[in-house]
Amino acid sequence: MIEILGIALLVQGIGGFINRIAGSGSKSWFVQLHVLPESMHIPASVVMAVVGGILVLAAGAKRTRSRR
């Protein structure tokens, strides 16, 4: 379950960051771009991507330890 949450955060964070950097201005499905003020889009995207990556790595490490 944690791994799924991590993947969702990772996708949302990276996608939102790319959307803001590319300046596409089109409608997007990245949550933080709809919920937060424009000045917070990039920092929130970076934080989401980092937290998501940490959760994915932690879930993978936990799974590896439990198999031993």
N, C-alpha and C. Protein backbone atom coordinates (compact mmCIF):
# COMPACT_ATOMS: atom_id res chain seq x y z
N MET A 1 0.82 -1.19 0.00
CA MET A 1 0.00 0.00 0.00
C MET A 1 0.87 1.26 0.00
N ILE A 2 1.94 1.23 0.81
CA ILE A 2 2.84 2.38 0.88
C ILE A 2 3.51 2.59 -0.48
N GLU A 3 3.85 1.49 -1.14
CA GLU A 3 4.50 1.59 -2.44
C GLU A 3 3.58 2.25 -3.47
N ILE A 4 2.30 1.93 -3.43
CA ILE A 4 1.34 2.55 -4.36
C ILE A 4 1.22 4.04 -4.10
N LEU A 5 1.16 4.43 -2.83
CA LEU A 5 1.12 5.84 -2.48
C LEU A 5 2.39 6.55 -2.95
N GLY A 6 3.53 5.90 -2.76
CA GLY A 6 4.80 6.47 -3.20
C GLY A 6 4.84 6.67 -4.71
N ILE A 7 4.36 5.69 -5.45
CA ILE A 7 4.34 5.81 -6.92
C ILE A 7 3.42 6.95 -7.35
N ALA A 8 2.26 7.05 -6.70
CA ALA A 8 1.32 8.13 -7.03
C ALA A 8 1.94 9.50 -6.76
N LEU A 9 2.60 9.65 -5.61
CA LEU A 9 3.25 10.91 -5.29
C LEU A 9 4.39 11.21 -6.26
N LEU A 10 5.14 10.19 -6.61
CA LEU A 10 6.26 10.36 -7.54
C LEU A 10 5.76 10.83 -8.91
N VAL A 11 4.73 10.19 -9.41
CA VAL A 11 4.17 10.57 -10.72
C VAL A 11 3.58 11.98 -10.67
N GLN A 12 2.82 12.28 -9.62
CA GLN A 12 2.24 13.61 -9.48
C GLN A 12 3.32 14.69 -9.37
N GLY A 13 4.35 14.41 -8.59
CA GLY A 13 5.42 15.38 -8.39
C GLY A 13 6.22 15.64 -9.66
N ILE A 14 6.67 14.58 -10.30
CA ILE A 14 7.47 14.73 -11.52
C ILE A 14 6.63 15.33 -12.63
N GLY A 15 5.41 14.85 -12.78
CA GLY A 15 4.53 15.37 -13.83
C GLY A 15 4.18 16.84 -13.63
N GLY A 16 3.89 17.21 -12.40
CA GLY A 16 3.57 18.61 -12.11
C GLY A 16 4.77 19.51 -12.34
N PHE A 17 5.96 19.03 -11.98
CA PHE A 17 7.18 19.80 -12.20
C PHE A 17 7.43 20.01 -13.69
N ILE A 18 7.32 18.95 -14.46
CA ILE A 18 7.52 19.05 -15.92
C ILE A 18 6.47 19.97 -16.54
N ASN A 19 5.24 19.86 -16.08
CA ASN A 19 4.16 20.70 -16.60
C ASN A 19 4.46 22.18 -16.36
N ARG A 20 4.95 22.51 -15.18
CA ARG A 20 5.26 23.91 -14.85
C ARG A 20 6.50 24.39 -15.60
N ILE A 21 7.53 23.57 -15.69
CA ILE A 21 8.77 23.97 -16.37
C ILE A 21 8.52 24.13 -17.87
N ALA A 22 7.75 23.23 -18.45
CA ALA A 22 7.46 23.30 -19.88
C ALA A 22 6.54 24.47 -20.20
N GLY A 23 5.81 24.93 -19.20
CA GLY A 23 4.91 26.06 -19.40
C GLY A 23 3.81 25.78 -20.40
N SER A 24 3.32 24.56 -20.37
CA SER A 24 2.31 24.18 -21.36
C SER A 24 1.01 24.96 -21.19
N GLY A 25 0.67 25.30 -19.96
CA GLY A 25 -0.54 26.09 -19.73
C GLY A 25 -1.83 25.35 -20.03
N SER A 26 -1.72 24.11 -20.43
CA SER A 26 -2.92 23.35 -20.73
C SER A 26 -3.50 22.76 -19.45
N LYS A 27 -4.71 22.26 -19.55
CA LYS A 27 -5.33 21.60 -18.40
C LYS A 27 -4.50 20.38 -18.05
N SER A 28 -4.33 20.16 -16.77
CA SER A 28 -3.54 19.02 -16.34
C SER A 28 -4.29 18.24 -15.27
N TRP A 29 -3.85 17.05 -15.01
CA TRP A 29 -4.46 16.23 -13.98
C TRP A 29 -3.58 16.14 -12.74
N PHE A 30 -2.60 17.05 -12.62
CA PHE A 30 -1.72 17.06 -11.47
C PHE A 30 -2.37 17.85 -10.33
N VAL A 31 -2.62 17.17 -9.23
CA VAL A 31 -3.42 17.70 -8.13
C VAL A 31 -2.91 19.03 -7.60
N GLN A 32 -1.60 19.12 -7.35
CA GLN A 32 -1.06 20.32 -6.73
C GLN A 32 -1.25 21.56 -7.61
N LEU A 33 -1.38 21.39 -8.91
CA LEU A 33 -1.57 22.52 -9.81
C LEU A 33 -2.98 23.09 -9.72
N HIS A 34 -3.90 22.31 -9.20
CA HIS A 34 -5.28 22.76 -9.04
C HIS A 34 -5.58 23.26 -7.63
N VAL A 35 -4.83 22.77 -6.65
CA VAL A 35 -5.14 23.04 -5.26
C VAL A 35 -4.33 24.21 -4.69
N LEU A 36 -3.10 24.34 -5.10
CA LEU A 36 -2.19 25.33 -4.50
C LEU A 36 -2.08 26.59 -5.35
N PRO A 37 -1.66 27.69 -4.72
CA PRO A 37 -1.40 28.91 -5.49
C PRO A 37 -0.22 28.69 -6.44
N GLU A 38 -0.19 29.46 -7.51
CA GLU A 38 0.81 29.27 -8.56
C GLU A 38 2.25 29.34 -8.05
N SER A 39 2.50 30.18 -7.06
CA SER A 39 3.87 30.31 -6.54
C SER A 39 4.35 29.04 -5.82
N MET A 40 3.46 28.16 -5.47
CA MET A 40 3.81 26.94 -4.75
C MET A 40 3.88 25.70 -5.64
N HIS A 41 3.58 25.81 -6.92
CA HIS A 41 3.52 24.64 -7.79
C HIS A 41 4.85 23.89 -7.87
N ILE A 42 5.92 24.59 -8.18
CA ILE A 42 7.21 23.90 -8.34
C ILE A 42 7.72 23.34 -7.02
N PRO A 43 7.74 24.13 -5.93
CA PRO A 43 8.21 23.53 -4.66
C PRO A 43 7.37 22.33 -4.22
N ALA A 44 6.07 22.41 -4.38
CA ALA A 44 5.21 21.29 -3.98
C ALA A 44 5.47 20.07 -4.86
N SER A 45 5.71 20.29 -6.14
CA SER A 45 6.00 19.17 -7.04
C SER A 45 7.30 18.48 -6.65
N VAL A 46 8.31 19.27 -6.32
CA VAL A 46 9.60 18.70 -5.91
C VAL A 46 9.44 17.91 -4.62
N VAL A 47 8.74 18.46 -3.65
CA VAL A 47 8.53 17.77 -2.37
C VAL A 47 7.76 16.48 -2.59
N MET A 48 6.73 16.52 -3.41
CA MET A 48 5.94 15.31 -3.68
C MET A 48 6.80 14.24 -4.33
N ALA A 49 7.63 14.62 -5.28
CA ALA A 49 8.50 13.65 -5.97
C ALA A 49 9.50 13.04 -5.00
N VAL A 50 10.09 13.86 -4.14
CA VAL A 50 11.08 13.35 -3.18
C VAL A 50 10.42 12.41 -2.17
N VAL A 51 9.29 12.82 -1.62
CA VAL A 51 8.59 11.97 -0.65
C VAL A 51 8.14 10.66 -1.32
N GLY A 52 7.65 10.76 -2.53
CA GLY A 52 7.25 9.56 -3.25
C GLY A 52 8.41 8.61 -3.49
N GLY A 53 9.55 9.17 -3.88
CA GLY A 53 10.74 8.34 -4.08
C GLY A 53 11.18 7.67 -2.79
N ILE A 54 11.14 8.39 -1.69
CA ILE A 54 11.51 7.82 -0.39
C ILE A 54 10.57 6.68 -0.01
N LEU A 55 9.27 6.88 -0.23
CA LEU A 55 8.30 5.83 0.10
C LEU A 55 8.51 4.58 -0.76
N VAL A 56 8.79 4.76 -2.04
CA VAL A 56 9.02 3.61 -2.93
C VAL A 56 10.27 2.86 -2.49
N LEU A 57 11.34 3.60 -2.20
CA LEU A 57 12.57 2.95 -1.76
C LEU A 57 12.40 2.24 -0.42
N ALA A 58 11.67 2.87 0.50
CA ALA A 58 11.44 2.26 1.81
C ALA A 58 10.62 0.98 1.68
N ALA A 59 9.61 1.01 0.84
CA ALA A 59 8.78 -0.18 0.65
C ALA A 59 9.59 -1.30 0.01
N GLY A 60 10.45 -0.95 -0.94
CA GLY A 60 11.30 -1.96 -1.57
C GLY A 60 12.29 -2.55 -0.59
N ALA A 61 12.87 -1.72 0.27
CA ALA A 61 13.81 -2.21 1.27
C ALA A 61 13.10 -3.11 2.28
N LYS A 62 11.90 -2.74 2.67
CA LYS A 62 11.14 -3.55 3.62
C LYS A 62 10.80 -4.92 3.02
N ARG A 63 10.43 -4.90 1.74
CA ARG A 63 10.10 -6.16 1.07
C ARG A 63 11.34 -7.05 0.97
N THR A 64 12.48 -6.46 0.68
CA THR A 64 13.72 -7.22 0.58
C THR A 64 14.11 -7.83 1.93
N ARG A 65 13.97 -7.05 3.00
CA ARG A 65 14.29 -7.57 4.34
C ARG A 65 13.36 -8.70 4.76
N SER A 66 12.08 -8.61 4.38
CA SER A 66 11.13 -9.64 4.81
C SER A 66 11.31 -10.94 4.06
N ARG A 67 11.95 -10.92 2.91
CA ARG A 67 12.18 -12.14 2.14
C ARG A 67 13.34 -12.96 2.68
N ARG A 68 14.21 -12.36 3.47
CA ARG A 68 15.40 -13.06 3.98
C ARG A 68 15.07 -13.94 5.13
